[in-house]
N, C-alpha and C. Protein backbone atom coordinates (compact mmCIF):
# COMPACT_ATOMS: atom_id res chain seq x y z
N MET A 1 -117.47 -150.92 45.63
CA MET A 1 -118.18 -150.30 44.53
C MET A 1 -118.01 -148.79 44.61
N LEU A 2 -117.77 -148.18 43.48
CA LEU A 2 -117.60 -146.73 43.39
C LEU A 2 -118.78 -146.15 42.63
N THR A 3 -119.46 -145.20 43.25
CA THR A 3 -120.57 -144.52 42.60
C THR A 3 -120.22 -143.06 42.47
N ILE A 4 -120.29 -142.54 41.27
CA ILE A 4 -120.03 -141.12 41.02
C ILE A 4 -121.32 -140.51 40.50
N ARG A 5 -121.74 -139.44 41.13
CA ARG A 5 -122.96 -138.75 40.71
C ARG A 5 -122.59 -137.39 40.14
N LEU A 6 -123.16 -137.07 39.00
CA LEU A 6 -122.93 -135.77 38.37
C LEU A 6 -124.19 -134.95 38.48
N PHE A 7 -124.05 -133.68 38.86
CA PHE A 7 -125.19 -132.80 39.02
C PHE A 7 -125.00 -131.58 38.14
N CYS A 8 -126.01 -131.26 37.36
CA CYS A 8 -125.98 -130.09 36.50
C CYS A 8 -126.30 -128.85 37.33
N ALA A 9 -125.46 -127.85 37.24
CA ALA A 9 -125.68 -126.62 38.00
C ALA A 9 -126.09 -125.47 37.09
N ALA A 10 -126.75 -125.78 35.98
CA ALA A 10 -127.12 -124.75 35.02
C ALA A 10 -128.38 -124.00 35.42
N GLY A 11 -129.31 -124.66 36.07
CA GLY A 11 -130.58 -124.05 36.41
C GLY A 11 -130.58 -123.46 37.81
N MET A 12 -131.45 -122.50 38.05
CA MET A 12 -131.52 -121.83 39.35
C MET A 12 -131.88 -122.81 40.47
N SER A 13 -132.93 -123.58 40.29
CA SER A 13 -133.33 -124.50 41.36
C SER A 13 -132.31 -125.61 41.54
N THR A 14 -131.70 -126.05 40.45
CA THR A 14 -130.67 -127.07 40.55
C THR A 14 -129.48 -126.55 41.33
N SER A 15 -129.08 -125.32 41.06
CA SER A 15 -127.95 -124.71 41.79
C SER A 15 -128.23 -124.64 43.28
N LEU A 16 -129.44 -124.26 43.64
CA LEU A 16 -129.80 -124.20 45.05
C LEU A 16 -129.75 -125.57 45.70
N LEU A 17 -130.27 -126.58 45.01
CA LEU A 17 -130.26 -127.93 45.53
C LEU A 17 -128.84 -128.45 45.67
N VAL A 18 -128.00 -128.19 44.68
CA VAL A 18 -126.61 -128.64 44.73
C VAL A 18 -125.89 -128.02 45.92
N ARG A 19 -126.10 -126.73 46.17
CA ARG A 19 -125.47 -126.09 47.33
C ARG A 19 -125.88 -126.74 48.63
N LYS A 20 -127.17 -127.05 48.75
CA LYS A 20 -127.66 -127.71 49.97
C LYS A 20 -127.08 -129.12 50.10
N MET A 21 -126.94 -129.82 48.96
CA MET A 21 -126.36 -131.16 48.98
C MET A 21 -124.89 -131.11 49.39
N ILE A 22 -124.15 -130.10 48.91
CA ILE A 22 -122.74 -129.95 49.28
C ILE A 22 -122.63 -129.68 50.78
N GLU A 23 -123.48 -128.82 51.32
CA GLU A 23 -123.49 -128.57 52.76
C GLU A 23 -123.73 -129.85 53.54
N ALA A 24 -124.71 -130.64 53.10
CA ALA A 24 -125.03 -131.90 53.78
C ALA A 24 -123.87 -132.88 53.67
N ALA A 25 -123.24 -132.94 52.50
CA ALA A 25 -122.11 -133.86 52.30
C ALA A 25 -120.95 -133.50 53.21
N LYS A 26 -120.66 -132.22 53.32
CA LYS A 26 -119.56 -131.78 54.18
C LYS A 26 -119.85 -132.10 55.64
N ALA A 27 -121.10 -131.92 56.06
CA ALA A 27 -121.48 -132.20 57.45
C ALA A 27 -121.37 -133.70 57.76
N ALA A 28 -121.60 -134.58 56.78
CA ALA A 28 -121.54 -136.04 56.96
C ALA A 28 -120.19 -136.62 56.55
N GLY A 29 -119.23 -135.75 56.17
CA GLY A 29 -117.90 -136.21 55.81
C GLY A 29 -117.81 -136.90 54.45
N VAL A 30 -118.73 -136.60 53.55
CA VAL A 30 -118.72 -137.19 52.22
C VAL A 30 -117.90 -136.29 51.30
N PRO A 31 -116.87 -136.83 50.60
CA PRO A 31 -116.09 -135.98 49.71
C PRO A 31 -116.94 -135.45 48.56
N CYS A 32 -116.80 -134.16 48.28
CA CYS A 32 -117.60 -133.52 47.25
C CYS A 32 -116.79 -132.39 46.63
N ASP A 33 -116.74 -132.33 45.32
CA ASP A 33 -116.00 -131.27 44.63
C ASP A 33 -116.58 -131.09 43.23
N VAL A 34 -116.13 -130.08 42.54
CA VAL A 34 -116.59 -129.77 41.19
C VAL A 34 -115.58 -130.29 40.18
N ILE A 35 -116.06 -131.00 39.16
CA ILE A 35 -115.19 -131.50 38.10
C ILE A 35 -114.58 -130.29 37.39
N PRO A 36 -113.25 -130.33 37.14
CA PRO A 36 -112.62 -129.22 36.42
C PRO A 36 -113.33 -128.96 35.08
N MET A 37 -113.60 -127.68 34.81
CA MET A 37 -114.39 -127.28 33.65
C MET A 37 -113.78 -127.79 32.34
N ALA A 38 -112.46 -127.71 32.20
CA ALA A 38 -111.82 -128.14 30.96
C ALA A 38 -112.04 -129.63 30.72
N ASP A 39 -111.88 -130.45 31.79
CA ASP A 39 -112.07 -131.89 31.64
C ASP A 39 -113.52 -132.22 31.33
N TYR A 40 -114.45 -131.52 31.97
CA TYR A 40 -115.87 -131.74 31.70
C TYR A 40 -116.21 -131.34 30.27
N GLY A 41 -115.76 -130.16 29.85
CA GLY A 41 -116.05 -129.65 28.51
C GLY A 41 -115.46 -130.50 27.40
N MET A 42 -114.28 -131.06 27.65
CA MET A 42 -113.61 -131.90 26.66
C MET A 42 -114.02 -133.37 26.79
N VAL A 43 -114.93 -133.65 27.73
CA VAL A 43 -115.41 -135.01 27.99
C VAL A 43 -114.21 -135.95 28.19
N ASN A 44 -113.28 -135.49 29.05
CA ASN A 44 -112.06 -136.24 29.30
C ASN A 44 -112.30 -137.25 30.42
N GLY A 45 -112.82 -138.40 30.05
CA GLY A 45 -113.16 -139.43 31.03
C GLY A 45 -111.98 -139.87 31.87
N LYS A 46 -110.80 -139.97 31.27
CA LYS A 46 -109.60 -140.41 31.99
C LYS A 46 -109.27 -139.44 33.13
N ASN A 47 -109.26 -138.14 32.84
CA ASN A 47 -108.94 -137.15 33.87
C ASN A 47 -110.03 -137.06 34.93
N VAL A 48 -111.30 -137.15 34.52
CA VAL A 48 -112.40 -137.06 35.49
C VAL A 48 -112.37 -138.26 36.42
N LEU A 49 -112.09 -139.45 35.89
CA LEU A 49 -111.98 -140.63 36.74
C LEU A 49 -110.81 -140.50 37.71
N ALA A 50 -109.67 -140.01 37.24
CA ALA A 50 -108.52 -139.80 38.12
C ALA A 50 -108.85 -138.78 39.20
N PHE A 51 -109.58 -137.73 38.84
CA PHE A 51 -110.01 -136.70 39.80
C PHE A 51 -110.89 -137.32 40.88
N ALA A 52 -111.85 -138.15 40.48
CA ALA A 52 -112.75 -138.79 41.43
C ALA A 52 -112.00 -139.74 42.36
N LYS A 53 -111.08 -140.51 41.80
CA LYS A 53 -110.29 -141.43 42.62
C LYS A 53 -109.45 -140.67 43.66
N LYS A 54 -108.85 -139.55 43.23
CA LYS A 54 -108.06 -138.73 44.15
C LYS A 54 -108.95 -138.16 45.25
N LEU A 55 -110.16 -137.76 44.89
CA LEU A 55 -111.09 -137.17 45.84
C LEU A 55 -111.47 -138.15 46.95
N ILE A 56 -111.67 -139.41 46.58
CA ILE A 56 -112.10 -140.39 47.58
C ILE A 56 -110.91 -141.06 48.28
N GLY A 57 -109.70 -140.78 47.80
CA GLY A 57 -108.51 -141.34 48.46
C GLY A 57 -108.16 -142.65 47.98
């Protein structure tokens, strides 16, 4: 099963939480990255799915 979680980084407290989550993910070896802005903005599901698959190997 593949679970992809999206986090909004628009708000101040959300940004702080996301940074802490990224730190924790890196420490536990969990792949974590930012969806390319163009793909997110264009709601390009095909590219975002390919990006996620590449991220997890």
